[in-house]
Amino acid sequence: LKPSQAARAIEECDRSYRAILAEPKNKSSESFEHDYYSSNMR
């Protein structure tokens, strides 16, 4: 409900979740998933 809550989740959740702010909905989810996988997969 609040940006501060999302910021707290990113900061405090386990690093294995690799949490980041999601891209705006006007960017295709497929493109975002692709970029995310490329940046985060070991």
All heavy atoms as atom14 arrays in JSON, in Angstrom:
{
  "sequence": "LKPSQAARAIEECDRSYRAILAEPKNKSSESFEHDYYSSNMR",
  "atom14_mask": [
    [1, 1, 1, 1, 1, 1, 1, 1, 0, 0, 0, 0, 0, 0],
    [1, 1, 1, 1, 1, 1, 1, 1, 1, 0, 0, 0, 0, 0],
    [1, 1, 1, 1, 1, 1, 1, 0, 0, 0, 0, 0, 0, 0],
    [1, 1, 1, 1, 1, 1, 0, 0, 0, 0, 0, 0, 0, 0],
    [1, 1, 1, 1, 1, 1, 1, 1, 1, 0, 0, 0, 0, 0],
    [1, 1, 1, 1, 1, 0, 0, 0, 0, 0, 0, 0, 0, 0],
    [1, 1, 1, 1, 1, 0, 0, 0, 0, 0, 0, 0, 0, 0],
    [1, 1, 1, 1, 1, 1, 1, 1, 1, 1, 1, 0, 0, 0],
    [1, 1, 1, 1, 1, 0, 0, 0, 0, 0, 0, 0, 0, 0],
    [1, 1, 1, 1, 1, 1, 1, 1, 0, 0, 0, 0, 0, 0],
    [1, 1, 1, 1, 1, 1, 1, 1, 1, 0, 0, 0, 0, 0],
    [1, 1, 1, 1, 1, 1, 1, 1, 1, 0, 0, 0, 0, 0],
    [1, 1, 1, 1, 1, 1, 0, 0, 0, 0, 0, 0, 0, 0],
    [1, 1, 1, 1, 1, 1, 1, 1, 0, 0, 0, 0, 0, 0],
    [1, 1, 1, 1, 1, 1, 1, 1, 1, 1, 1, 0, 0, 0],
    [1, 1, 1, 1, 1, 1, 0, 0, 0, 0, 0, 0, 0, 0],
    [1, 1, 1, 1, 1, 1, 1, 1, 1, 1, 1, 1, 0, 0],
    [1, 1, 1, 1, 1, 1, 1, 1, 1, 1, 1, 0, 0, 0],
    [1, 1, 1, 1, 1, 0, 0, 0, 0, 0, 0, 0, 0, 0],
    [1, 1, 1, 1, 1, 1, 1, 1, 0, 0, 0, 0, 0, 0],
    [1, 1, 1, 1, 1, 1, 1, 1, 0, 0, 0, 0, 0, 0],
    [1, 1, 1, 1, 1, 0, 0, 0, 0, 0, 0, 0, 0, 0],
    [1, 1, 1, 1, 1, 1, 1, 1, 1, 0, 0, 0, 0, 0],
    [1, 1, 1, 1, 1, 1, 1, 0, 0, 0, 0, 0, 0, 0],
    [1, 1, 1, 1, 1, 1, 1, 1, 1, 0, 0, 0, 0, 0],
    [1, 1, 1, 1, 1, 1, 1, 1, 0, 0, 0, 0, 0, 0],
    [1, 1, 1, 1, 1, 1, 1, 1, 1, 0, 0, 0, 0, 0],
    [1, 1, 1, 1, 1, 1, 0, 0, 0, 0, 0, 0, 0, 0],
    [1, 1, 1, 1, 1, 1, 0, 0, 0, 0, 0, 0, 0, 0],
    [1, 1, 1, 1, 1, 1, 1, 1, 1, 0, 0, 0, 0, 0],
    [1, 1, 1, 1, 1, 1, 0, 0, 0, 0, 0, 0, 0, 0],
    [1, 1, 1, 1, 1, 1, 1, 1, 1, 1, 1, 0, 0, 0],
    [1, 1, 1, 1, 1, 1, 1, 1, 1, 0, 0, 0, 0, 0],
    [1, 1, 1, 1, 1, 1, 1, 1, 1, 1, 0, 0, 0, 0],
    [1, 1, 1, 1, 1, 1, 1, 1, 0, 0, 0, 0, 0, 0],
    [1, 1, 1, 1, 1, 1, 1, 1, 1, 1, 1, 1, 0, 0],
    [1, 1, 1, 1, 1, 1, 1, 1, 1, 1, 1, 1, 0, 0],
    [1, 1, 1, 1, 1, 1, 0, 0, 0, 0, 0, 0, 0, 0],
    [1, 1, 1, 1, 1, 1, 0, 0, 0, 0, 0, 0, 0, 0],
    [1, 1, 1, 1, 1, 1, 1, 1, 0, 0, 0, 0, 0, 0],
    [1, 1, 1, 1, 1, 1, 1, 1, 0, 0, 0, 0, 0, 0],
    [1, 1, 1, 1, 1, 1, 1, 1, 1, 1, 1, 0, 0, 0]
  ],
  "atom14_positions": [
    [[0.82, -1.21, 0.0], [0.0, 0.0, 0.0], [0.86, 1.26, 0.0], [0.45, 2.3, -0.5], [-0.93, 0.01, 1.21], [-2.06, -1.03, 1.22], [-2.88, -0.92, 2.5], [-2.96, -0.85, 0.0], [0.0, 0.0, 0.0], [0.0, 0.0, 0.0], [0.0, 0.0, 0.0], [0.0, 0.0, 0.0], [0.0, 0.0, 0.0], [0.0, 0.0, 0.0]],
    [[2.07, 1.17, 0.57], [2.92, 2.35, 0.68], [4.32, 2.08, 0.1], [4.85, 0.98, 0.25], [3.07, 2.78, 2.14], [1.76, 3.19, 2.8], [2.01, 3.59, 4.24], [0.73, 4.01, 4.95], [0.98, 4.38, 6.36], [0.0, 0.0, 0.0], [0.0, 0.0, 0.0], [0.0, 0.0, 0.0], [0.0, 0.0, 0.0], [0.0, 0.0, 0.0]],
    [[4.93, 3.09, -0.51], [6.3, 2.93, -1.02], [7.28, 2.56, 0.09], [8.21, 1.8, -0.12], [6.62, 4.31, -1.6], [5.29, 4.87, -1.98], [4.34, 4.4, -0.92], [0.0, 0.0, 0.0], [0.0, 0.0, 0.0], [0.0, 0.0, 0.0], [0.0, 0.0, 0.0], [0.0, 0.0, 0.0], [0.0, 0.0, 0.0], [0.0, 0.0, 0.0]],
    [[7.08, 3.12, 1.29], [8.0, 2.83, 2.39], [7.99, 1.35, 2.74], [9.01, 0.78, 3.14], [7.64, 3.67, 3.62], [6.31, 3.39, 4.03], [0.0, 0.0, 0.0], [0.0, 0.0, 0.0], [0.0, 0.0, 0.0], [0.0, 0.0, 0.0], [0.0, 0.0, 0.0], [0.0, 0.0, 0.0], [0.0, 0.0, 0.0], [0.0, 0.0, 0.0]],
    [[6.83, 0.7, 2.57], [6.74, -0.73, 2.87], [7.48, -1.55, 1.82], [8.17, -2.53, 2.15], [5.26, -1.14, 2.94], [4.51, -0.47, 4.09], [3.0, -0.65, 4.0], [2.46, -0.95, 2.93], [2.31, -0.45, 5.11], [0.0, 0.0, 0.0], [0.0, 0.0, 0.0], [0.0, 0.0, 0.0], [0.0, 0.0, 0.0], [0.0, 0.0, 0.0]],
    [[7.35, -1.14, 0.56], [8.08, -1.83, -0.51], [9.58, -1.66, -0.31], [10.36, -2.61, -0.49], [7.64, -1.28, -1.87], [0.0, 0.0, 0.0], [0.0, 0.0, 0.0], [0.0, 0.0, 0.0], [0.0, 0.0, 0.0], [0.0, 0.0, 0.0], [0.0, 0.0, 0.0], [0.0, 0.0, 0.0], [0.0, 0.0, 0.0], [0.0, 0.0, 0.0]],
    [[10.0, -0.45, 0.07], [11.42, -0.18, 0.3], [11.94, -1.05, 1.45], [13.04, -1.59, 1.39], [11.63, 1.3, 0.63], [0.0, 0.0, 0.0], [0.0, 0.0, 0.0], [0.0, 0.0, 0.0], [0.0, 0.0, 0.0], [0.0, 0.0, 0.0], [0.0, 0.0, 0.0], [0.0, 0.0, 0.0], [0.0, 0.0, 0.0], [0.0, 0.0, 0.0]],
    [[11.14, -1.18, 2.49], [11.55, -2.0, 3.64], [11.69, -3.47, 3.23], [12.63, -4.15, 3.65], [10.54, -1.85, 4.77], [10.94, -2.62, 6.01], [9.88, -2.57, 7.1], [10.25, -3.44, 8.2], [9.41, -3.86, 9.12], [8.13, -3.5, 9.07], [9.82, -4.66, 10.1], [0.0, 0.0, 0.0], [0.0, 0.0, 0.0], [0.0, 0.0, 0.0]],
    [[10.76, -3.95, 2.42], [10.81, -5.35, 1.97], [12.08, -5.62, 1.17], [12.76, -6.63, 1.37], [9.57, -5.67, 1.14], [0.0, 0.0, 0.0], [0.0, 0.0, 0.0], [0.0, 0.0, 0.0], [0.0, 0.0, 0.0], [0.0, 0.0, 0.0], [0.0, 0.0, 0.0], [0.0, 0.0, 0.0], [0.0, 0.0, 0.0], [0.0, 0.0, 0.0]],
    [[12.43, -4.7, 0.27], [13.63, -4.85, -0.54], [14.87, -4.86, 0.35], [15.8, -5.64, 0.15], [13.72, -3.73, -1.59], [12.62, -3.91, -2.64], [15.09, -3.7, -2.26], [12.51, -2.76, -3.62], [0.0, 0.0, 0.0], [0.0, 0.0, 0.0], [0.0, 0.0, 0.0], [0.0, 0.0, 0.0], [0.0, 0.0, 0.0], [0.0, 0.0, 0.0]],
    [[14.88, -3.97, 1.35], [16.04, -3.82, 2.2], [16.22, -4.99, 3.17], [17.34, -5.44, 3.42], [15.9, -2.51, 3.01], [17.07, -2.2, 3.92], [18.31, -1.79, 3.16], [18.2, -1.44, 1.98], [19.39, -1.83, 3.77], [0.0, 0.0, 0.0], [0.0, 0.0, 0.0], [0.0, 0.0, 0.0], [0.0, 0.0, 0.0], [0.0, 0.0, 0.0]],
    [[15.11, -5.53, 3.71], [15.22, -6.48, 4.81], [14.96, -7.94, 4.44], [15.31, -8.83, 5.22], [14.24, -6.07, 5.93], [14.56, -4.71, 6.53], [13.62, -4.35, 7.67], [12.84, -5.23, 8.1], [13.66, -3.19, 8.12], [0.0, 0.0, 0.0], [0.0, 0.0, 0.0], [0.0, 0.0, 0.0], [0.0, 0.0, 0.0], [0.0, 0.0, 0.0]],
    [[14.37, -8.22, 3.28], [14.07, -9.61, 2.96], [15.36, -10.38, 2.65], [16.39, -9.79, 2.36], [13.09, -9.72, 1.78], [13.81, -9.37, 0.16], [0.0, 0.0, 0.0], [0.0, 0.0, 0.0], [0.0, 0.0, 0.0], [0.0, 0.0, 0.0], [0.0, 0.0, 0.0], [0.0, 0.0, 0.0], [0.0, 0.0, 0.0], [0.0, 0.0, 0.0]],
    [[15.27, -11.7, 2.71], [16.43, -12.55, 2.44], [16.97, -12.26, 1.04], [16.21, -12.09, 0.08], [16.03, -14.02, 2.54], [17.24, -14.94, 2.55], [17.82, -15.15, 1.47], [17.59, -15.45, 3.62], [0.0, 0.0, 0.0], [0.0, 0.0, 0.0], [0.0, 0.0, 0.0], [0.0, 0.0, 0.0], [0.0, 0.0, 0.0], [0.0, 0.0, 0.0]],
    [[18.29, -12.22, 0.9], [18.89, -11.86, -0.39], [18.6, -12.89, -1.48], [18.72, -12.59, -2.67], [20.41, -11.71, -0.23], [20.8, -10.49, 0.59], [22.28, -10.19, 0.47], [22.64, -9.77, -0.87], [23.88, -9.46, -1.23], [24.85, -9.52, -0.35], [24.16, -9.09, -2.47], [0.0, 0.0, 0.0], [0.0, 0.0, 0.0], [0.0, 0.0, 0.0]],
    [[18.21, -14.1, -1.07], [17.91, -15.12, -2.07], [16.7, -14.74, -2.92], [16.54, -15.23, -4.04], [17.65, -16.47, -1.39], [16.49, -16.41, -0.57], [0.0, 0.0, 0.0], [0.0, 0.0, 0.0], [0.0, 0.0, 0.0], [0.0, 0.0, 0.0], [0.0, 0.0, 0.0], [0.0, 0.0, 0.0], [0.0, 0.0, 0.0], [0.0, 0.0, 0.0]],
    [[15.85, -13.83, -2.41], [14.68, -13.4, -3.18], [15.07, -12.39, -4.26], [14.29, -12.14, -5.18], [13.63, -12.76, -2.26], [12.96, -13.75, -1.34], [13.15, -13.68, 0.04], [12.13, -14.74, -1.84], [12.53, -14.58, 0.9], [11.51, -15.64, -0.99], [11.72, -15.56, 0.37], [11.11, -16.45, 1.22], [0.0, 0.0, 0.0], [0.0, 0.0, 0.0]],
    [[16.26, -11.79, -4.13], [16.74, -10.8, -5.12], [15.67, -9.76, -5.45], [15.37, -9.49, -6.62], [17.24, -11.5, -6.38], [18.41, -12.44, -6.11], [19.02, -12.99, -7.37], [20.14, -13.87, -7.07], [21.41, -13.46, -6.91], [21.68, -12.18, -6.99], [22.37, -14.32, -6.64], [0.0, 0.0, 0.0], [0.0, 0.0, 0.0], [0.0, 0.0, 0.0]],
    [[15.07, -9.21, -4.41], [13.95, -8.27, -4.58], [14.41, -6.94, -5.16], [15.44, -6.38, -4.77], [13.28, -8.03, -3.23], [0.0, 0.0, 0.0], [0.0, 0.0, 0.0], [0.0, 0.0, 0.0], [0.0, 0.0, 0.0], [0.0, 0.0, 0.0], [0.0, 0.0, 0.0], [0.0, 0.0, 0.0], [0.0, 0.0, 0.0], [0.0, 0.0, 0.0]],
    [[13.65, -6.44, -6.13], [13.88, -5.12, -6.72], [12.53, -4.47, -6.97], [11.5, -5.13, -6.96], [14.66, -5.21, -8.05], [13.86, -6.03, -9.08], [16.04, -5.8, -7.85], [14.47, -6.0, -10.47], [0.0, 0.0, 0.0], [0.0, 0.0, 0.0], [0.0, 0.0, 0.0], [0.0, 0.0, 0.0], [0.0, 0.0, 0.0], [0.0, 0.0, 0.0]],
    [[12.55, -3.15, -7.21], [11.31, -2.47, -7.6], [10.91, -2.94, -8.98], [11.75, -3.05, -9.88], [11.5, -0.96, -7.61], [11.29, -0.21, -6.3], [11.59, 1.26, -6.5], [9.89, -0.38, -5.76], [0.0, 0.0, 0.0], [0.0, 0.0, 0.0], [0.0, 0.0, 0.0], [0.0, 0.0, 0.0], [0.0, 0.0, 0.0], [0.0, 0.0, 0.0]],
    [[9.64, -3.24, -9.16], [9.16, -3.72, -10.46], [9.12, -2.57, -11.46], [8.92, -1.42, -11.1], [7.78, -4.34, -10.31], [0.0, 0.0, 0.0], [0.0, 0.0, 0.0], [0.0, 0.0, 0.0], [0.0, 0.0, 0.0], [0.0, 0.0, 0.0], [0.0, 0.0, 0.0], [0.0, 0.0, 0.0], [0.0, 0.0, 0.0], [0.0, 0.0, 0.0]],
    [[9.3, -2.92, -12.72], [9.18, -1.93, -13.78], [7.73, -1.47, -13.89], [6.81, -2.2, -13.55], [9.61, -2.55, -15.12], [11.11, -2.74, -15.26], [11.82, -1.42, -15.49], [11.18, -0.48, -15.98], [13.03, -1.34, -15.18], [0.0, 0.0, 0.0], [0.0, 0.0, 0.0], [0.0, 0.0, 0.0], [0.0, 0.0, 0.0], [0.0, 0.0, 0.0]],
    [[7.51, -0.24, -14.37], [6.14, 0.23, -14.59], [5.38, -0.73, -15.49], [5.97, -1.41, -16.33], [6.33, 1.59, -15.27], [7.71, 2.0, -14.89], [8.51, 0.75, -14.75], [0.0, 0.0, 0.0], [0.0, 0.0, 0.0], [0.0, 0.0, 0.0], [0.0, 0.0, 0.0], [0.0, 0.0, 0.0], [0.0, 0.0, 0.0], [0.0, 0.0, 0.0]],
    [[4.07, -0.78, -15.33], [3.26, -1.72, -16.1], [3.29, -1.44, -17.59], [2.94, -2.3, -18.39], [1.82, -1.68, -15.6], [1.66, -2.33, -14.23], [0.21, -2.39, -13.81], [0.04, -3.1, -12.48], [-1.37, -3.18, -12.07], [0.0, 0.0, 0.0], [0.0, 0.0, 0.0], [0.0, 0.0, 0.0], [0.0, 0.0, 0.0], [0.0, 0.0, 0.0]],
    [[3.73, -0.23, -17.98], [3.75, 0.05, -19.43], [4.93, -0.6, -20.12], [5.04, -0.58, -21.33], [3.74, 1.56, -19.69], [4.93, 2.26, -19.04], [5.82, 1.61, -18.5], [4.92, 3.58, -19.06], [0.0, 0.0, 0.0], [0.0, 0.0, 0.0], [0.0, 0.0, 0.0], [0.0, 0.0, 0.0], [0.0, 0.0, 0.0], [0.0, 0.0, 0.0]],
    [[5.85, -1.21, -19.35], [6.93, -1.98, -19.96], [6.49, -3.44, -19.97], [5.97, -3.94, -18.99], [8.23, -1.83, -19.16], [9.37, -2.67, -19.75], [10.69, -2.41, -19.04], [11.78, -3.24, -19.67], [13.1, -3.01, -19.06], [0.0, 0.0, 0.0], [0.0, 0.0, 0.0], [0.0, 0.0, 0.0], [0.0, 0.0, 0.0], [0.0, 0.0, 0.0]],
    [[6.7, -4.13, -21.08], [6.23, -5.5, -21.18], [6.86, -6.37, -20.11], [8.05, -6.28, -19.84], [6.55, -6.08, -22.57], [7.92, -6.38, -22.68], [0.0, 0.0, 0.0], [0.0, 0.0, 0.0], [0.0, 0.0, 0.0], [0.0, 0.0, 0.0], [0.0, 0.0, 0.0], [0.0, 0.0, 0.0], [0.0, 0.0, 0.0], [0.0, 0.0, 0.0]],
    [[6.04, -7.23, -19.49], [6.55, -8.09, -18.42], [7.58, -9.06, -18.95], [8.53, -9.41, -18.26], [5.39, -8.85, -17.77], [4.73, -9.67, -18.72], [0.0, 0.0, 0.0], [0.0, 0.0, 0.0], [0.0, 0.0, 0.0], [0.0, 0.0, 0.0], [0.0, 0.0, 0.0], [0.0, 0.0, 0.0], [0.0, 0.0, 0.0], [0.0, 0.0, 0.0]],
    [[7.44, -9.51, -20.2], [8.4, -10.44, -20.76], [9.78, -9.81, -20.83], [10.79, -10.42, -20.51], [7.97, -10.91, -22.16], [6.78, -11.85, -22.18], [5.46, -11.12, -22.06], [5.48, -9.87, -22.02], [4.42, -11.79, -22.0], [0.0, 0.0, 0.0], [0.0, 0.0, 0.0], [0.0, 0.0, 0.0], [0.0, 0.0, 0.0], [0.0, 0.0, 0.0]],
    [[9.83, -8.54, -21.27], [11.1, -7.85, -21.37], [11.73, -7.67, -20.0], [12.93, -7.86, -19.82], [10.88, -6.48, -22.02], [12.06, -5.71, -21.97], [0.0, 0.0, 0.0], [0.0, 0.0, 0.0], [0.0, 0.0, 0.0], [0.0, 0.0, 0.0], [0.0, 0.0, 0.0], [0.0, 0.0, 0.0], [0.0, 0.0, 0.0], [0.0, 0.0, 0.0]],
    [[10.9, -7.32, -19.01], [11.41, -7.11, -17.66], [11.93, -8.42, -17.07], [13.01, -8.47, -16.47], [10.29, -6.54, -16.79], [10.72, -6.28, -15.37], [11.9, -5.59, -15.1], [9.95, -6.7, -14.3], [12.3, -5.33, -13.81], [10.34, -6.45, -13.02], [11.51, -5.76, -12.76], [0.0, 0.0, 0.0], [0.0, 0.0, 0.0], [0.0, 0.0, 0.0]],
    [[11.18, -9.52, -17.26], [11.63, -10.82, -16.75], [12.96, -11.2, -17.38], [13.86, -11.71, -16.72], [10.59, -11.9, -17.08], [9.28, -11.77, -16.31], [8.21, -12.64, -16.94], [8.55, -13.74, -17.42], [7.04, -12.22, -16.97], [0.0, 0.0, 0.0], [0.0, 0.0, 0.0], [0.0, 0.0, 0.0], [0.0, 0.0, 0.0], [0.0, 0.0, 0.0]],
    [[13.1, -10.95, -18.68], [14.33, -11.28, -19.4], [15.51, -10.53, -18.81], [16.56, -11.1, -18.51], [14.16, -10.95, -20.87], [15.38, -11.22, -21.7], [16.41, -10.3, -21.8], [15.74, -12.3, -22.44], [17.35, -10.8, -22.58], [16.98, -12.01, -22.98], [0.0, 0.0, 0.0], [0.0, 0.0, 0.0], [0.0, 0.0, 0.0], [0.0, 0.0, 0.0]],
    [[15.34, -9.2, -18.62], [16.41, -8.39, -18.06], [16.76, -8.84, -16.65], [17.93, -8.87, -16.26], [16.0, -6.9, -18.04], [15.87, -6.33, -19.43], [16.34, -6.98, -20.38], [15.29, -5.24, -19.56], [0.0, 0.0, 0.0], [0.0, 0.0, 0.0], [0.0, 0.0, 0.0], [0.0, 0.0, 0.0], [0.0, 0.0, 0.0], [0.0, 0.0, 0.0]],
    [[15.72, -9.17, -15.88], [15.92, -9.57, -14.48], [16.72, -10.87, -14.4], [17.68, -10.99, -13.65], [14.56, -9.73, -13.81], [14.62, -10.13, -12.35], [14.82, -9.18, -11.37], [14.48, -11.46, -11.97], [14.86, -9.52, -10.03], [14.52, -11.82, -10.63], [14.71, -10.84, -9.67], [14.75, -11.21, -8.35], [0.0, 0.0, 0.0], [0.0, 0.0, 0.0]],
    [[16.32, -11.85, -15.2], [17.03, -13.13, -15.22], [18.49, -12.91, -15.62], [19.41, -13.47, -15.03], [16.39, -14.09, -16.23], [15.43, -15.07, -15.58], [14.16, -15.26, -16.11], [15.81, -15.8, -14.46], [13.28, -16.16, -15.53], [14.94, -16.7, -13.88], [13.67, -16.88, -14.41], [12.81, -17.77, -13.84], [0.0, 0.0, 0.0], [0.0, 0.0, 0.0]],
    [[18.7, -12.09, -16.66], [20.05, -11.86, -17.16], [20.94, -11.23, -16.09], [22.11, -11.51, -16.0], [20.02, -10.94, -18.38], [19.3, -11.54, -19.43], [0.0, 0.0, 0.0], [0.0, 0.0, 0.0], [0.0, 0.0, 0.0], [0.0, 0.0, 0.0], [0.0, 0.0, 0.0], [0.0, 0.0, 0.0], [0.0, 0.0, 0.0], [0.0, 0.0, 0.0]],
    [[20.34, -10.37, -15.25], [21.11, -9.65, -14.26], [21.3, -10.43, -12.96], [22.26, -10.2, -12.24], [20.42, -8.31, -13.92], [20.32, -7.52, -15.07], [0.0, 0.0, 0.0], [0.0, 0.0, 0.0], [0.0, 0.0, 0.0], [0.0, 0.0, 0.0], [0.0, 0.0, 0.0], [0.0, 0.0, 0.0], [0.0, 0.0, 0.0], [0.0, 0.0, 0.0]],
    [[20.38, -11.35, -12.65], [20.4, -11.96, -11.33], [20.76, -13.43, -11.26], [21.14, -13.91, -10.21], [19.02, -11.78, -10.66], [18.8, -10.36, -10.19], [19.42, -9.92, -9.25], [17.93, -9.65, -10.88], [0.0, 0.0, 0.0], [0.0, 0.0, 0.0], [0.0, 0.0, 0.0], [0.0, 0.0, 0.0], [0.0, 0.0, 0.0], [0.0, 0.0, 0.0]],
    [[20.63, -14.17, -12.36], [20.96, -15.59, -12.3], [22.45, -15.79, -12.13], [23.25, -15.17, -12.81], [20.49, -16.29, -13.58], [18.98, -16.44, -13.68], [18.32, -17.54, -12.43], [18.7, -19.11, -13.2], [0.0, 0.0, 0.0], [0.0, 0.0, 0.0], [0.0, 0.0, 0.0], [0.0, 0.0, 0.0], [0.0, 0.0, 0.0], [0.0, 0.0, 0.0]],
    [[22.85, -16.64, -11.21], [24.26, -16.92, -11.0], [24.79, -17.7, -12.2], [24.1, -18.55, -12.75], [24.47, -17.73, -9.72], [24.05, -16.98, -8.47], [24.59, -17.7, -7.25], [24.13, -19.07, -7.17], [22.97, -19.44, -6.64], [22.15, -18.52, -6.15], [22.61, -20.71, -6.58], [0.0, 0.0, 0.0], [0.0, 0.0, 0.0], [0.0, 0.0, 0.0]]
  ]
}
